[in-house]
Amino acid sequence: MSIKSELLTCFKCLPGGWYNKFAENLVDEIISTCTETELKLLQILDIKEKYGELRVYINLSDDKFDVILDKYTKMSRYVCMGCSERLDELELEIPICSNCKS
């Protein structure tokens, strides 16, 4: 199994909308940012929704990873967790569109 496949498996816990919108691009960005050594050490520690945002925690501590993870955290505020639709307004609790709420 490739490192990309292994990492994508970790993201399966995400709601469908976020998985479809973010998982592959986020994994690609993390992998392309890693050195060979970092790639061997890389582990996903936790992936979750917290305060209406996607939170991803990895075992590598470096500003280059923080920038990527922060970018996806901010983007997730405006993407429906259920269907990937763009939300026009920031949802304070859970980012979900009116279609998915009903």
PDB file of N, CA and C in Angstrom:
ATOM      1  N   MET A   1       0.850  -1.180   0.000  1.00  0.00           N
ATOM      2  CA  MET A   1       0.000   0.000   0.000  1.00  0.00           C
ATOM      3  C   MET A   1       0.898   1.246   0.000  1.00  0.00           C
ATOM      4  N   SER A   2       0.573   2.213  -0.829  1.00  0.00           N
ATOM      5  CA  SER A   2       1.370   3.437  -0.916  1.00  0.00           C
ATOM      6  C   SER A   2       1.110   4.334   0.295  1.00  0.00           C
ATOM      7  N   ILE A   3       2.027   5.256   0.525  1.00  0.00           N
ATOM      8  CA  ILE A   3       1.857   6.192   1.642  1.00  0.00           C
ATOM      9  C   ILE A   3       0.595   7.019   1.435  1.00  0.00           C
ATOM     10  N   LYS A   4       0.301   7.392   0.194  1.00  0.00           N
ATOM     11  CA  LYS A   4      -0.911   8.161  -0.082  1.00  0.00           C
ATOM     12  C   LYS A   4      -2.153   7.364   0.290  1.00  0.00           C
ATOM     13  N   SER A   5      -2.200   6.105  -0.087  1.00  0.00           N
ATOM     14  CA  SER A   5      -3.347   5.245   0.246  1.00  0.00           C
ATOM     15  C   SER A   5      -3.496   5.094   1.752  1.00  0.00           C
ATOM     16  N   GLU A   6      -2.377   4.917   2.430  1.00  0.00           N
ATOM     17  CA  GLU A   6      -2.415   4.784   3.886  1.00  0.00           C
ATOM     18  C   GLU A   6      -2.971   6.040   4.536  1.00  0.00           C
ATOM     19  N   LEU A   7      -2.501   7.200   4.080  1.00  0.00           N
ATOM     20  CA  LEU A   7      -2.978   8.453   4.654  1.00  0.00           C
ATOM     21  C   LEU A   7      -4.447   8.693   4.329  1.00  0.00           C
ATOM     22  N   LEU A   8      -4.853   8.400   3.103  1.00  0.00           N
ATOM     23  CA  LEU A   8      -6.260   8.587   2.731  1.00  0.00           C
ATOM     24  C   LEU A   8      -7.175   7.704   3.567  1.00  0.00           C
ATOM     25  N   THR A   9      -6.711   6.528   3.929  1.00  0.00           N
ATOM     26  CA  THR A   9      -7.493   5.638   4.789  1.00  0.00           C
ATOM     27  C   THR A   9      -7.780   6.314   6.131  1.00  0.00           C
ATOM     28  N   CYS A  10      -6.821   7.056   6.643  1.00  0.00           N
ATOM     29  CA  CYS A  10      -7.018   7.777   7.905  1.00  0.00           C
ATOM     30  C   CYS A  10      -8.126   8.818   7.789  1.00  0.00           C
ATOM     31  N   PHE A  11      -8.300   9.378   6.600  1.00  0.00           N
ATOM     32  CA  PHE A  11      -9.290  10.428   6.386  1.00  0.00           C
ATOM     33  C   PHE A  11     -10.705   9.893   6.191  1.00  0.00           C
ATOM     34  N   LYS A  12     -10.870   8.581   6.112  1.00  0.00           N
ATOM     35  CA  LYS A  12     -12.196   7.979   5.917  1.00  0.00           C
ATOM     36  C   LYS A  12     -13.162   8.293   7.055  1.00  0.00           C
ATOM     37  N   CYS A  13     -12.639   8.707   8.192  1.00  0.00           N
ATOM     38  CA  CYS A  13     -13.496   9.045   9.330  1.00  0.00           C
ATOM     39  C   CYS A  13     -14.210  10.384   9.138  1.00  0.00           C
ATOM     40  N   LEU A  14     -13.793  11.160   8.155  1.00  0.00           N
ATOM     41  CA  LEU A  14     -14.418  12.462   7.910  1.00  0.00           C
ATOM     42  C   LEU A  14     -15.820  12.316   7.342  1.00  0.00           C
ATOM     43  N   PRO A  15     -16.681  13.284   7.606  1.00  0.00           N
ATOM     44  CA  PRO A  15     -17.968  13.308   6.921  1.00  0.00           C
ATOM     45  C   PRO A  15     -17.732  13.367   5.412  1.00  0.00           C
ATOM     46  N   GLY A  16     -18.640  12.784   4.646  1.00  0.00           N
ATOM     47  CA  GLY A  16     -18.475  12.637   3.202  1.00  0.00           C
ATOM     48  C   GLY A  16     -18.140  13.912   2.449  1.00  0.00           C
ATOM     49  N   GLY A  17     -18.796  15.005   2.799  1.00  0.00           N
ATOM     50  CA  GLY A  17     -18.547  16.264   2.100  1.00  0.00           C
ATOM     51  C   GLY A  17     -17.125  16.747   2.267  1.00  0.00           C
ATOM     52  N   TRP A  18     -16.622  16.676   3.463  1.00  0.00           N
ATOM     53  CA  TRP A  18     -15.250  17.104   3.714  1.00  0.00           C
ATOM     54  C   TRP A  18     -14.257  16.130   3.101  1.00  0.00           C
ATOM     55  N   TYR A  19     -14.535  14.842   3.193  1.00  0.00           N
ATOM     56  CA  TYR A  19     -13.625  13.860   2.589  1.00  0.00           C
ATOM     57  C   TYR A  19     -13.504  14.125   1.090  1.00  0.00           C
ATOM     58  N   ASN A  20     -14.636  14.272   0.421  1.00  0.00           N
ATOM     59  CA  ASN A  20     -14.627  14.479  -1.028  1.00  0.00           C
ATOM     60  C   ASN A  20     -13.940  15.781  -1.418  1.00  0.00           C
ATOM     61  N   LYS A  21     -14.100  16.803  -0.623  1.00  0.00           N
ATOM     62  CA  LYS A  21     -13.564  18.119  -0.955  1.00  0.00           C
ATOM     63  C   LYS A  21     -12.084  18.262  -0.606  1.00  0.00           C
ATOM     64  N   PHE A  22     -11.647  17.679   0.503  1.00  0.00           N
ATOM     65  CA  PHE A  22     -10.320  17.980   1.024  1.00  0.00           C
ATOM     66  C   PHE A  22      -9.313  16.839   1.061  1.00  0.00           C
ATOM     67  N   ALA A  23      -9.737  15.623   1.278  1.00  0.00           N
ATOM     68  CA  ALA A  23      -8.807  14.537   1.635  1.00  0.00           C
ATOM     69  C   ALA A  23      -7.654  14.371   0.645  1.00  0.00           C
ATOM     70  N   GLU A  24      -7.967  14.175  -0.619  1.00  0.00           N
ATOM     71  CA  GLU A  24      -6.902  13.880  -1.572  1.00  0.00           C
ATOM     72  C   GLU A  24      -5.944  15.068  -1.749  1.00  0.00           C
ATOM     73  N   ASN A  25      -6.478  16.268  -1.873  1.00  0.00           N
ATOM     74  CA  ASN A  25      -5.612  17.438  -2.034  1.00  0.00           C
ATOM     75  C   ASN A  25      -4.753  17.682  -0.800  1.00  0.00           C
ATOM     76  N   LEU A  26      -5.333  17.521   0.370  1.00  0.00           N
ATOM     77  CA  LEU A  26      -4.586  17.719   1.612  1.00  0.00           C
ATOM     78  C   LEU A  26      -3.451  16.705   1.728  1.00  0.00           C
ATOM     79  N   VAL A  27      -3.755  15.449   1.453  1.00  0.00           N
ATOM     80  CA  VAL A  27      -2.727  14.401   1.503  1.00  0.00           C
ATOM     81  C   VAL A  27      -1.632  14.691   0.483  1.00  0.00           C
ATOM     82  N   ASP A  28      -2.014  15.072  -0.729  1.00  0.00           N
ATOM     83  CA  ASP A  28      -1.015  15.396  -1.760  1.00  0.00           C
ATOM     84  C   ASP A  28      -0.100  16.535  -1.324  1.00  0.00           C
ATOM     85  N   GLU A  29      -0.677  17.567  -0.717  1.00  0.00           N
ATOM     86  CA  GLU A  29       0.132  18.704  -0.267  1.00  0.00           C
ATOM     87  C   GLU A  29       1.090  18.312   0.849  1.00  0.00           C
ATOM     88  N   ILE A  30       0.609  17.510   1.782  1.00  0.00           N
ATOM     89  CA  ILE A  30       1.481  17.056   2.871  1.00  0.00           C
ATOM     90  C   ILE A  30       2.633  16.222   2.312  1.00  0.00           C
ATOM     91  N   ILE A  31       2.309  15.273   1.440  1.00  0.00           N
ATOM     92  CA  ILE A  31       3.338  14.396   0.868  1.00  0.00           C
ATOM     93  C   ILE A  31       4.363  15.203   0.073  1.00  0.00           C
ATOM     94  N   SER A  32       3.891  16.133  -0.744  1.00  0.00           N
ATOM     95  CA  SER A  32       4.823  16.900  -1.580  1.00  0.00           C
ATOM     96  C   SER A  32       5.700  17.844  -0.761  1.00  0.00           C
ATOM     97  N   THR A  33       5.287  18.160   0.454  1.00  0.00           N
ATOM     98  CA  THR A  33       6.052  19.049   1.326  1.00  0.00           C
ATOM     99  C   THR A  33       7.095  18.285   2.140  1.00  0.00           C
ATOM    100  N   CYS A  34       6.895  17.001   2.305  1.00  0.00           N
ATOM    101  CA  CYS A  34       7.792  16.181   3.129  1.00  0.00           C
ATOM    102  C   CYS A  34       9.119  15.891   2.424  1.00  0.00           C
ATOM    103  N   THR A  35      10.169  15.875   3.222  1.00  0.00           N
ATOM    104  CA  THR A  35      11.434  15.322   2.746  1.00  0.00           C
ATOM    105  C   THR A  35      11.290  13.801   2.795  1.00  0.00           C
ATOM    106  N   GLU A  36      12.262  13.089   2.246  1.00  0.00           N
ATOM    107  CA  GLU A  36      12.211  11.621   2.290  1.00  0.00           C
ATOM    108  C   GLU A  36      12.164  11.115   3.725  1.00  0.00           C
ATOM    109  N   THR A  37      12.960  11.702   4.574  1.00  0.00           N
ATOM    110  CA  THR A  37      12.998  11.294   5.984  1.00  0.00           C
ATOM    111  C   THR A  37      11.664  11.586   6.663  1.00  0.00           C
ATOM    112  N   GLU A  38      11.124  12.774   6.434  1.00  0.00           N
ATOM    113  CA  GLU A  38       9.840  13.133   7.045  1.00  0.00           C
ATOM    114  C   GLU A  38       8.738  12.198   6.588  1.00  0.00           C
ATOM    115  N   LEU A  39       8.778  11.831   5.317  1.00  0.00           N
ATOM    116  CA  LEU A  39       7.756  10.941   4.771  1.00  0.00           C
ATOM    117  C   LEU A  39       7.768   9.588   5.469  1.00  0.00           C
ATOM    118  N   LYS A  40       8.948   9.103   5.810  1.00  0.00           N
ATOM    119  CA  LYS A  40       9.061   7.829   6.526  1.00  0.00           C
ATOM    120  C   LYS A  40       8.530   7.929   7.953  1.00  0.00           C
ATOM    121  N   LEU A  41       8.647   9.119   8.544  1.00  0.00           N
ATOM    122  CA  LEU A  41       8.225   9.328   9.931  1.00  0.00           C
ATOM    123  C   LEU A  41       6.773   9.787  10.070  1.00  0.00           C
ATOM    124  N   LEU A  42       6.189  10.290   8.992  1.00  0.00           N
ATOM    125  CA  LEU A  42       4.868  10.918   9.029  1.00  0.00           C
ATOM    126  C   LEU A  42       3.778   9.993   9.566  1.00  0.00           C
ATOM    127  N   GLN A  43       3.026  10.506  10.522  1.00  0.00           N
ATOM    128  CA  GLN A  43       1.862   9.805  11.066  1.00  0.00           C
ATOM    129  C   GLN A  43       0.742  10.814  11.270  1.00  0.00           C
ATOM    130  N   ILE A  44      -0.464  10.384  10.959  1.00  0.00           N
ATOM    131  CA  ILE A  44      -1.650  11.167  11.278  1.00  0.00           C
ATOM    132  C   ILE A  44      -2.033  10.799  12.709  1.00  0.00           C
ATOM    133  N   LEU A  45      -2.051  11.764  13.590  1.00  0.00           N
ATOM    134  CA  LEU A  45      -2.377  11.497  14.992  1.00  0.00           C
ATOM    135  C   LEU A  45      -3.873  11.576  15.250  1.00  0.00           C
ATOM    136  N   ASP A  46      -4.545  12.528  14.590  1.00  0.00           N
ATOM    137  CA  ASP A  46      -5.981  12.695  14.809  1.00  0.00           C
ATOM    138  C   ASP A  46      -6.574  13.520  13.674  1.00  0.00           C
ATOM    139  N   ILE A  47      -7.798  13.193  13.319  1.00  0.00           N
ATOM    140  CA  ILE A  47      -8.577  13.947  12.337  1.00  0.00           C
ATOM    141  C   ILE A  47      -9.972  14.051  12.909  1.00  0.00           C
ATOM    142  N   LYS A  48     -10.484  15.298  12.994  1.00  0.00           N
ATOM    143  CA  LYS A  48     -11.809  15.451  13.581  1.00  0.00           C
ATOM    144  C   LYS A  48     -12.416  16.804  13.226  1.00  0.00           C
ATOM    145  N   GLU A  49     -13.674  16.927  13.551  1.00  0.00           N
ATOM    146  CA  GLU A  49     -14.363  18.211  13.490  1.00  0.00           C
ATOM    147  C   GLU A  49     -14.302  18.782  14.890  1.00  0.00           C
ATOM    148  N   LYS A  50     -13.876  20.027  15.001  1.00  0.00           N
ATOM    149  CA  LYS A  50     -13.832  20.692  16.300  1.00  0.00           C
ATOM    150  C   LYS A  50     -14.243  22.141  16.081  1.00  0.00           C
ATOM    151  N   TYR A  51     -15.276  22.557  16.800  1.00  0.00           N
ATOM    152  CA  TYR A  51     -15.797  23.918  16.675  1.00  0.00           C
ATOM    153  C   TYR A  51     -16.166  24.266  15.234  1.00  0.00           C
ATOM    154  N   GLY A  52     -16.711  23.291  14.501  1.00  0.00           N
ATOM    155  CA  GLY A  52     -17.148  23.526  13.135  1.00  0.00           C
ATOM    156  C   GLY A  52     -16.032  23.585  12.115  1.00  0.00           C
ATOM    157  N   GLU A  53     -14.860  23.109  12.471  1.00  0.00           N
ATOM    158  CA  GLU A  53     -13.714  23.138  11.568  1.00  0.00           C
ATOM    159  C   GLU A  53     -13.082  21.756  11.464  1.00  0.00           C
ATOM    160  N   LEU A  54     -12.461  21.503  10.330  1.00  0.00           N
ATOM    161  CA  LEU A  54     -11.660  20.307  10.153  1.00  0.00           C
ATOM    162  C   LEU A  54     -10.346  20.504  10.895  1.00  0.00           C
ATOM    163  N   ARG A  55     -10.005  19.552  11.724  1.00  0.00           N
ATOM    164  CA  ARG A  55      -8.727  19.601  12.445  1.00  0.00           C
ATOM    165  C   ARG A  55      -7.947  18.334  12.115  1.00  0.00           C
ATOM    166  N   VAL A  56      -6.726  18.526  11.669  1.00  0.00           N
ATOM    167  CA  VAL A  56      -5.832  17.409  11.356  1.00  0.00           C
ATOM    168  C   VAL A  56      -4.553  17.613  12.162  1.00  0.00           C
ATOM    169  N   TYR A  57      -4.151  16.580  12.871  1.00  0.00           N
ATOM    170  CA  TYR A  57      -2.954  16.633  13.697  1.00  0.00           C
ATOM    171  C   TYR A  57      -1.976  15.572  13.205  1.00  0.00           C
ATOM    172  N   ILE A  58      -0.742  15.990  12.959  1.00  0.00           N
ATOM    173  CA  ILE A  58       0.293  15.058  12.537  1.00  0.00           C
ATOM    174  C   ILE A  58       1.444  15.107  13.535  1.00  0.00           C
ATOM    175  N   ASN A  59       2.331  14.124  13.443  1.00  0.00           N
ATOM    176  CA  ASN A  59       3.426  14.029  14.397  1.00  0.00           C
ATOM    177  C   ASN A  59       4.627  14.907  14.035  1.00  0.00           C
ATOM    178  N   LEU A  60       4.623  15.523  12.870  1.00  0.00           N
ATOM    179  CA  LEU A  60       5.735  16.374  12.458  1.00  0.00           C
ATOM    180  C   LEU A  60       5.419  17.825  12.772  1.00  0.00           C
ATOM    181  N   SER A  61       6.344  18.489  13.408  1.00  0.00           N
ATOM    182  CA  SER A  61       6.133  19.874  13.818  1.00  0.00           C
ATOM    183  C   SER A  61       7.048  20.781  13.001  1.00  0.00           C
ATOM    184  N   ASP A  62       6.436  21.545  12.110  1.00  0.00           N
ATOM    185  CA  ASP A  62       7.192  22.463  11.270  1.00  0.00           C
ATOM    186  C   ASP A  62       6.207  23.469  10.692  1.00  0.00           C
ATOM    187  N   ASP A  63       6.659  24.684  10.524  1.00  0.00           N
ATOM    188  CA  ASP A  63       5.785  25.731   9.985  1.00  0.00           C
ATOM    189  C   ASP A  63       5.210  25.361   8.627  1.00  0.00           C
ATOM    190  N   LYS A  64       5.983  24.645   7.822  1.00  0.00           N
ATOM    191  CA  LYS A  64       5.498  24.303   6.484  1.00  0.00           C
ATOM    192  C   LYS A  64       4.252  23.410   6.555  1.00  0.00           C
ATOM    193  N   PHE A  65       4.158  22.567   7.556  1.00  0.00           N
ATOM    194  CA  PHE A  65       2.972  21.732   7.730  1.00  0.00           C
ATOM    195  C   PHE A  65       1.839  22.535   8.367  1.00  0.00           C
ATOM    196  N   ASP A  66       2.176  23.403   9.292  1.00  0.00           N
ATOM    197  CA  ASP A  66       1.165  24.250   9.935  1.00  0.00           C
ATOM    198  C   ASP A  66       0.424  25.091   8.906  1.00  0.00           C
ATOM    199  N   VAL A  67       1.143  25.620   7.936  1.00  0.00           N
ATOM    200  CA  VAL A  67       0.530  26.443   6.890  1.00  0.00           C
ATOM    201  C   VAL A  67      -0.505  25.628   6.110  1.00  0.00           C
ATOM    202  N   ILE A  68      -0.159  24.417   5.747  1.00  0.00           N
ATOM    203  CA  ILE A  68      -1.076  23.548   4.992  1.00  0.00           C
ATOM    204  C   ILE A  68      -2.298  23.207   5.841  1.00  0.00           C
ATOM    205  N   LEU A  69      -2.068  22.756   7.056  1.00  0.00           N
ATOM    206  CA  LEU A  69      -3.179  22.335   7.912  1.00  0.00           C
ATOM    207  C   LEU A  69      -4.092  23.506   8.255  1.00  0.00           C
ATOM    208  N   ASP A  70      -3.522  24.675   8.503  1.00  0.00           N
ATOM    209  CA  ASP A  70      -4.331  25.867   8.787  1.00  0.00           C
ATOM    210  C   ASP A  70      -5.182  26.258   7.579  1.00  0.00           C
ATOM    211  N   LYS A  71      -4.628  26.119   6.396  1.00  0.00           N
ATOM    212  CA  LYS A  71      -5.362  26.455   5.173  1.00  0.00           C
ATOM    213  C   LYS A  71      -6.636  25.606   5.060  1.00  0.00           C
ATOM    214  N   TYR A  72      -6.507  24.308   5.302  1.00  0.00           N
ATOM    215  CA  TYR A  72      -7.670  23.423   5.195  1.00  0.00           C
ATOM    216  C   TYR A  72      -8.642  23.623   6.351  1.00  0.00           C
ATOM    217  N   THR A  73      -8.125  23.969   7.520  1.00  0.00           N
ATOM    218  CA  THR A  73      -9.010  24.289   8.648  1.00  0.00           C
ATOM    219  C   THR A  73      -9.876  25.487   8.286  1.00  0.00           C
ATOM    220  N   LYS A  74      -9.278  26.522   7.764  1.00  0.00           N
ATOM    221  CA  LYS A  74     -10.028  27.729   7.395  1.00  0.00           C
ATOM    222  C   LYS A  74     -11.011  27.462   6.264  1.00  0.00           C
ATOM    223  N   MET A  75     -10.593  26.711   5.262  1.00  0.00           N
ATOM    224  CA  MET A  75     -11.492  26.402   4.138  1.00  0.00           C
ATOM    225  C   MET A  75     -12.692  25.582   4.600  1.00  0.00           C
ATOM    226  N   SER A  76     -12.486  24.700   5.556  1.00  0.00           N
ATOM    227  CA  SER A  76     -13.564  23.802   5.992  1.00  0.00           C
ATOM    228  C   SER A  76     -14.730  24.544   6.626  1.00  0.00           C
ATOM    229  N   ARG A  77     -14.491  25.731   7.145  1.00  0.00           N
ATOM    230  CA  ARG A  77     -15.558  26.519   7.768  1.00  0.00           C
ATOM    231  C   ARG A  77     -16.668  26.855   6.775  1.00  0.00           C
ATOM    232  N   TYR A  78     -16.324  26.893   5.503  1.00  0.00           N
ATOM    233  CA  TYR A  78     -17.261  27.321   4.466  1.00  0.00           C
ATOM    234  C   TYR A  78     -17.649  26.202   3.503  1.00  0.00           C
ATOM    235  N   VAL A  79     -17.470  24.945   3.934  1.00  0.00           N
ATOM    236  CA  VAL A  79     -17.819  23.795   3.101  1.00  0.00           C
ATOM    237  C   VAL A  79     -18.734  22.875   3.901  1.00  0.00           C
ATOM    238  N   CYS A  80     -19.869  22.531   3.296  1.00  0.00           N
ATOM    239  CA  CYS A  80     -20.826  21.635   3.953  1.00  0.00           C
ATOM    240  C   CYS A  80     -20.178  20.279   4.216  1.00  0.00           C
ATOM    241  N   MET A  81     -20.285  19.828   5.445  1.00  0.00           N
ATOM    242  CA  MET A  81     -19.745  18.524   5.829  1.00  0.00           C
ATOM    243  C   MET A  81     -20.463  17.377   5.126  1.00  0.00           C
ATOM    244  N   GLY A  82     -21.717  17.620   4.760  1.00  0.00           N
ATOM    245  CA  GLY A  82     -22.517  16.546   4.176  1.00  0.00           C
ATOM    246  C   GLY A  82     -22.345  16.364   2.688  1.00  0.00           C
ATOM    247  N   CYS A  83     -22.282  17.498   1.936  1.00  0.00           N
ATOM    248  CA  CYS A  83     -22.327  17.385   0.476  1.00  0.00           C
ATOM    249  C   CYS A  83     -21.232  18.148  -0.268  1.00  0.00           C
ATOM    250  N   SER A  84     -20.363  18.834   0.415  1.00  0.00           N
ATOM    251  CA  SER A  84     -19.257  19.599  -0.170  1.00  0.00           C
ATOM    252  C   SER A  84     -19.660  20.934  -0.774  1.00  0.00           C
ATOM    253  N   GLU A  85     -20.914  21.324  -0.630  1.00  0.00           N
ATOM    254  CA  GLU A  85     -21.345  22.605  -1.189  1.00  0.00           C
ATOM    255  C   GLU A  85     -20.673  23.751  -0.444  1.00  0.00           C
ATOM    256  N   ARG A  86     -20.385  24.805  -1.183  1.00  0.00           N
ATOM    257  CA  ARG A  86     -19.800  26.015  -0.579  1.00  0.00           C
ATOM    258  C   ARG A  86     -20.878  26.734   0.215  1.00  0.00           C
ATOM    259  N   LEU A  87     -20.548  27.124   1.432  1.00  0.00           N
ATOM    260  CA  LEU A  87     -21.460  27.884   2.277  1.00  0.00           C
ATOM    261  C   LEU A  87     -21.127  29.369   2.141  1.00  0.00           C
ATOM    262  N   ASP A  88     -22.150  30.181   1.980  1.00  0.00           N
ATOM    263  CA  ASP A  88     -21.940  31.617   1.818  1.00  0.00           C
ATOM    264  C   ASP A  88     -21.617  32.306   3.133  1.00  0.00           C
ATOM    265  N   GLU A  89     -22.106  31.746   4.219  1.00  0.00           N
ATOM    266  CA  GLU A  89     -21.885  32.344   5.531  1.00  0.00           C
ATOM    267  C   GLU A  89     -21.203  31.345   6.443  1.00  0.00           C
ATOM    268  N   LEU A  90     -20.444  31.867   7.357  1.00  0.00           N
ATOM    269  CA  LEU A  90     -19.773  31.038   8.341  1.00  0.00           C
ATOM    270  C   LEU A  90     -20.810  30.443   9.289  1.00  0.00           C
ATOM    271  N   GLU A  91     -20.804  29.137   9.403  1.00  0.00           N
ATOM    272  CA  GLU A  91     -21.686  28.457  10.349  1.00  0.00           C
ATOM    273  C   GLU A  91     -20.943  28.355  11.675  1.00  0.00           C
ATOM    274  N   LEU A  92     -21.540  28.853  12.725  1.00  0.00           N
ATOM    275  CA  LEU A  92     -20.849  28.913  14.003  1.00  0.00           C
ATOM    276  C   LEU A  92     -20.738  27.568  14.709  1.00  0.00           C
ATOM    277  N   GLU A  93     -21.668  26.671  14.451  1.00  0.00           N
ATOM    278  CA  GLU A  93     -21.606  25.385  15.142  1.00  0.00           C
ATOM    279  C   GLU A  93     -21.088  24.284  14.227  1.00  0.00           C
ATOM    280  N   ILE A  94     -21.891  23.889  13.264  1.00  0.00           N
ATOM    281  CA  ILE A  94     -21.498  22.823  12.346  1.00  0.00           C
ATOM    282  C   ILE A  94     -21.733  23.310  10.924  1.00  0.00           C
ATOM    283  N   PRO A  95     -20.711  23.257  10.079  1.00  0.00           N
ATOM    284  CA  PRO A  95     -20.881  23.721   8.710  1.00  0.00           C
ATOM    285  C   PRO A  95     -21.679  22.730   7.866  1.00  0.00           C
ATOM    286  N   ILE A  96     -22.959  22.992   7.758  1.00  0.00           N
ATOM    287  CA  ILE A  96     -23.823  22.112   6.993  1.00  0.00           C
ATOM    288  C   ILE A  96     -24.860  22.973   6.272  1.00  0.00           C
ATOM    289  N   CYS A  97     -25.108  22.670   5.015  1.00  0.00           N
ATOM    290  CA  CYS A  97     -26.030  23.467   4.213  1.00  0.00           C
ATOM    291  C   CYS A  97     -27.478  23.177   4.577  1.00  0.00           C
ATOM    292  N   SER A  98     -28.360  24.021   4.111  1.00  0.00           N
ATOM    293  CA  SER A  98     -29.778  23.863   4.440  1.00  0.00           C
ATOM    294  C   SER A  98     -30.348  22.572   3.866  1.00  0.00           C
ATOM    295  N   ASN A  99     -29.857  22.123   2.700  1.00  0.00           N
ATOM    296  CA  ASN A  99     -30.344  20.855   2.122  1.00  0.00           C
ATOM    297  C   ASN A  99     -29.974  19.657   2.994  1.00  0.00           C
ATOM    298  N   CYS A 100     -28.769  19.666   3.532  1.00  0.00           N
ATOM    299  CA  CYS A 100     -28.326  18.553   4.375  1.00  0.00           C
ATOM    300  C   CYS A 100     -28.917  18.594   5.774  1.00  0.00           C
ATOM    301  N   LYS A 101     -29.333  19.777   6.220  1.00  0.00           N
ATOM    302  CA  LYS A 101     -29.961  19.898   7.536  1.00  0.00           C
ATOM    303  C   LYS A 101     -31.304  19.197   7.571  1.00  0.00           C
ATOM    304  N   SER A 102     -32.004  19.237   6.446  1.00  0.00           N
ATOM    305  CA  SER A 102     -33.367  18.678   6.434  1.00  0.00           C
ATOM    306  C   SER A 102     -33.397  17.212   6.113  1.00  0.00           C
TER     307      SER A 102
END
